[in-house]
Amino acid sequence: MSPNLKPGGRLLREWNGVTHVVEVVENGYLWNGQRWRSLSVIAREITGAHWSGPRFFGLNAKAAS
């Protein structure tokens, strides 16, 4: 789990017209009623393709200067 993510946080991502909500919990994430250990696995389930989970959910975006 990314050290910047705290339990109780939520990640939102729209993909093909569907908004996906991932909740950050101790030792992982909740998505679609299931616990997951990796954002990358969640991203692959959503898209059907290999993605960096943090990148898919916009966590790697550089801050605006």
N, C-alpha and C. Protein backbone atom coordinates (compact mmCIF):
# COMPACT_ATOMS: atom_id res chain seq x y z
N MET A 1 0.85 -1.17 0.00
CA MET A 1 0.00 0.00 0.00
C MET A 1 0.89 1.23 0.00
N SER A 2 0.51 2.22 -0.75
CA SER A 2 1.26 3.46 -0.82
C SER A 2 1.30 4.13 0.55
N PRO A 3 2.49 4.61 0.96
CA PRO A 3 2.59 5.24 2.28
C PRO A 3 1.78 6.53 2.40
N ASN A 4 1.41 7.14 1.29
CA ASN A 4 0.64 8.38 1.32
C ASN A 4 -0.85 8.15 1.52
N LEU A 5 -1.30 6.91 1.39
CA LEU A 5 -2.72 6.60 1.52
C LEU A 5 -3.02 6.16 2.94
N LYS A 6 -4.03 6.77 3.51
CA LYS A 6 -4.42 6.46 4.89
C LYS A 6 -5.76 5.73 4.90
N PRO A 7 -5.95 4.77 5.80
CA PRO A 7 -7.24 4.10 5.90
C PRO A 7 -8.37 5.12 6.05
N GLY A 8 -9.44 4.86 5.34
CA GLY A 8 -10.59 5.77 5.32
C GLY A 8 -10.62 6.64 4.09
N GLY A 9 -9.49 6.73 3.39
CA GLY A 9 -9.44 7.51 2.15
C GLY A 9 -10.16 6.79 1.02
N ARG A 10 -10.50 7.55 -0.01
CA ARG A 10 -11.17 6.96 -1.17
C ARG A 10 -10.51 7.43 -2.45
N LEU A 11 -10.46 6.53 -3.41
CA LEU A 11 -9.95 6.83 -4.74
C LEU A 11 -11.11 6.69 -5.71
N LEU A 12 -11.24 7.63 -6.62
CA LEU A 12 -12.29 7.59 -7.63
C LEU A 12 -11.66 7.56 -9.01
N ARG A 13 -12.23 6.76 -9.90
CA ARG A 13 -11.76 6.73 -11.28
C ARG A 13 -12.94 6.36 -12.17
N GLU A 14 -13.15 7.15 -13.19
CA GLU A 14 -14.19 6.83 -14.17
C GLU A 14 -13.53 6.07 -15.31
N TRP A 15 -14.17 4.98 -15.73
CA TRP A 15 -13.66 4.17 -16.82
C TRP A 15 -14.84 3.66 -17.62
N ASN A 16 -14.88 4.01 -18.90
CA ASN A 16 -15.96 3.60 -19.81
C ASN A 16 -17.34 3.93 -19.24
N GLY A 17 -17.46 5.13 -18.68
CA GLY A 17 -18.75 5.61 -18.19
C GLY A 17 -19.15 5.11 -16.82
N VAL A 18 -18.29 4.34 -16.18
CA VAL A 18 -18.58 3.81 -14.85
C VAL A 18 -17.60 4.44 -13.86
N THR A 19 -18.12 4.98 -12.76
CA THR A 19 -17.25 5.54 -11.72
C THR A 19 -16.94 4.44 -10.71
N HIS A 20 -15.66 4.18 -10.54
CA HIS A 20 -15.19 3.15 -9.60
C HIS A 20 -14.68 3.84 -8.35
N VAL A 21 -15.13 3.36 -7.19
CA VAL A 21 -14.72 3.91 -5.90
C VAL A 21 -13.95 2.82 -5.16
N VAL A 22 -12.73 3.15 -4.76
CA VAL A 22 -11.89 2.24 -4.00
C VAL A 22 -11.66 2.87 -2.63
N GLU A 23 -11.96 2.14 -1.58
CA GLU A 23 -11.75 2.62 -0.22
C GLU A 23 -10.44 2.06 0.32
N VAL A 24 -9.64 2.91 0.91
CA VAL A 24 -8.38 2.49 1.52
C VAL A 24 -8.69 1.95 2.92
N VAL A 25 -8.24 0.72 3.19
CA VAL A 25 -8.43 0.09 4.50
C VAL A 25 -7.07 -0.41 4.99
N GLU A 26 -7.02 -0.83 6.24
CA GLU A 26 -5.78 -1.41 6.77
C GLU A 26 -5.36 -2.57 5.87
N ASN A 27 -4.12 -2.57 5.46
CA ASN A 27 -3.54 -3.66 4.67
C ASN A 27 -4.20 -3.89 3.32
N GLY A 28 -4.75 -2.84 2.70
CA GLY A 28 -5.29 -3.04 1.37
C GLY A 28 -6.36 -2.06 0.98
N TYR A 29 -7.27 -2.55 0.14
CA TYR A 29 -8.30 -1.71 -0.47
C TYR A 29 -9.60 -2.50 -0.57
N LEU A 30 -10.72 -1.79 -0.56
CA LEU A 30 -12.02 -2.40 -0.81
C LEU A 30 -12.54 -1.86 -2.13
N TRP A 31 -12.93 -2.77 -3.01
CA TRP A 31 -13.53 -2.38 -4.29
C TRP A 31 -14.51 -3.48 -4.68
N ASN A 32 -15.68 -3.07 -5.11
CA ASN A 32 -16.69 -4.03 -5.58
C ASN A 32 -17.03 -5.07 -4.51
N GLY A 33 -17.01 -4.65 -3.24
CA GLY A 33 -17.37 -5.56 -2.16
C GLY A 33 -16.31 -6.56 -1.78
N GLN A 34 -15.10 -6.44 -2.34
CA GLN A 34 -14.03 -7.38 -2.03
C GLN A 34 -12.80 -6.63 -1.55
N ARG A 35 -11.99 -7.29 -0.74
CA ARG A 35 -10.72 -6.73 -0.28
C ARG A 35 -9.62 -7.11 -1.28
N TRP A 36 -8.79 -6.14 -1.61
CA TRP A 36 -7.69 -6.34 -2.55
C TRP A 36 -6.40 -5.84 -1.91
N ARG A 37 -5.28 -6.44 -2.25
CA ARG A 37 -3.99 -6.01 -1.70
C ARG A 37 -3.26 -5.04 -2.61
N SER A 38 -3.71 -4.90 -3.86
CA SER A 38 -2.96 -4.14 -4.84
C SER A 38 -3.87 -3.28 -5.71
N LEU A 39 -3.50 -2.01 -5.87
CA LEU A 39 -4.24 -1.14 -6.79
C LEU A 39 -4.05 -1.60 -8.24
N SER A 40 -2.89 -2.17 -8.54
CA SER A 40 -2.63 -2.63 -9.91
C SER A 40 -3.57 -3.77 -10.30
N VAL A 41 -3.86 -4.65 -9.37
CA VAL A 41 -4.80 -5.75 -9.65
C VAL A 41 -6.20 -5.18 -9.87
N ILE A 42 -6.58 -4.20 -9.07
CA ILE A 42 -7.89 -3.57 -9.26
C ILE A 42 -7.96 -2.90 -10.62
N ALA A 43 -6.91 -2.16 -10.99
CA ALA A 43 -6.88 -1.50 -12.30
C ALA A 43 -6.99 -2.52 -13.44
N ARG A 44 -6.33 -3.66 -13.30
CA ARG A 44 -6.40 -4.70 -14.33
C ARG A 44 -7.81 -5.29 -14.41
N GLU A 45 -8.46 -5.48 -13.26
CA GLU A 45 -9.84 -5.98 -13.26
C GLU A 45 -10.78 -4.99 -13.94
N ILE A 46 -10.56 -3.71 -13.72
CA ILE A 46 -11.43 -2.68 -14.30
C ILE A 46 -11.24 -2.58 -15.81
N THR A 47 -9.97 -2.60 -16.26
CA THR A 47 -9.67 -2.31 -17.67
C THR A 47 -9.44 -3.53 -18.53
N GLY A 48 -9.06 -4.64 -17.92
CA GLY A 48 -8.71 -5.82 -18.69
C GLY A 48 -7.31 -5.75 -19.26
N ALA A 49 -6.53 -4.75 -18.85
CA ALA A 49 -5.16 -4.58 -19.34
C ALA A 49 -4.23 -4.28 -18.17
N HIS A 50 -2.94 -4.47 -18.39
CA HIS A 50 -1.96 -4.17 -17.35
C HIS A 50 -1.82 -2.66 -17.16
N TRP A 51 -1.95 -2.23 -15.93
CA TRP A 51 -1.78 -0.82 -15.56
C TRP A 51 -0.98 -0.76 -14.26
N SER A 52 -0.25 0.32 -14.08
CA SER A 52 0.26 0.66 -12.75
C SER A 52 -0.95 1.16 -11.98
N GLY A 53 -1.26 0.55 -10.86
CA GLY A 53 -2.42 0.98 -10.08
C GLY A 53 -2.35 2.43 -9.64
N PRO A 54 -1.22 2.87 -9.06
CA PRO A 54 -1.13 4.28 -8.67
C PRO A 54 -1.30 5.22 -9.86
N ARG A 55 -0.76 4.85 -10.99
CA ARG A 55 -0.91 5.71 -12.18
C ARG A 55 -2.37 5.73 -12.64
N PHE A 56 -3.01 4.58 -12.68
CA PHE A 56 -4.40 4.49 -13.11
C PHE A 56 -5.30 5.38 -12.25
N PHE A 57 -5.04 5.41 -10.95
CA PHE A 57 -5.86 6.21 -10.04
C PHE A 57 -5.35 7.64 -9.85
N GLY A 58 -4.35 8.03 -10.65
CA GLY A 58 -3.88 9.41 -10.63
C GLY A 58 -2.99 9.78 -9.47
N LEU A 59 -2.38 8.79 -8.83
CA LEU A 59 -1.54 9.07 -7.67
C LEU A 59 -0.12 9.48 -8.06
N ASN A 60 0.26 9.27 -9.31
CA ASN A 60 1.61 9.62 -9.76
C ASN A 60 1.66 10.96 -10.45
N ALA A 61 0.55 11.68 -10.49
CA ALA A 61 0.53 12.97 -11.18
C ALA A 61 1.46 13.94 -10.47
N LYS A 62 2.22 14.68 -11.27
CA LYS A 62 3.13 15.68 -10.70
C LYS A 62 2.34 16.89 -10.26
N ALA A 63 2.74 17.45 -9.15
CA ALA A 63 2.07 18.65 -8.63
C ALA A 63 2.33 19.83 -9.55
N ALA A 64 1.32 20.66 -9.72
CA ALA A 64 1.48 21.85 -10.55
C ALA A 64 2.40 22.84 -9.84
N SER A 65 3.27 23.45 -10.60
CA SER A 65 4.21 24.41 -10.00
C SER A 65 3.62 25.78 -9.94
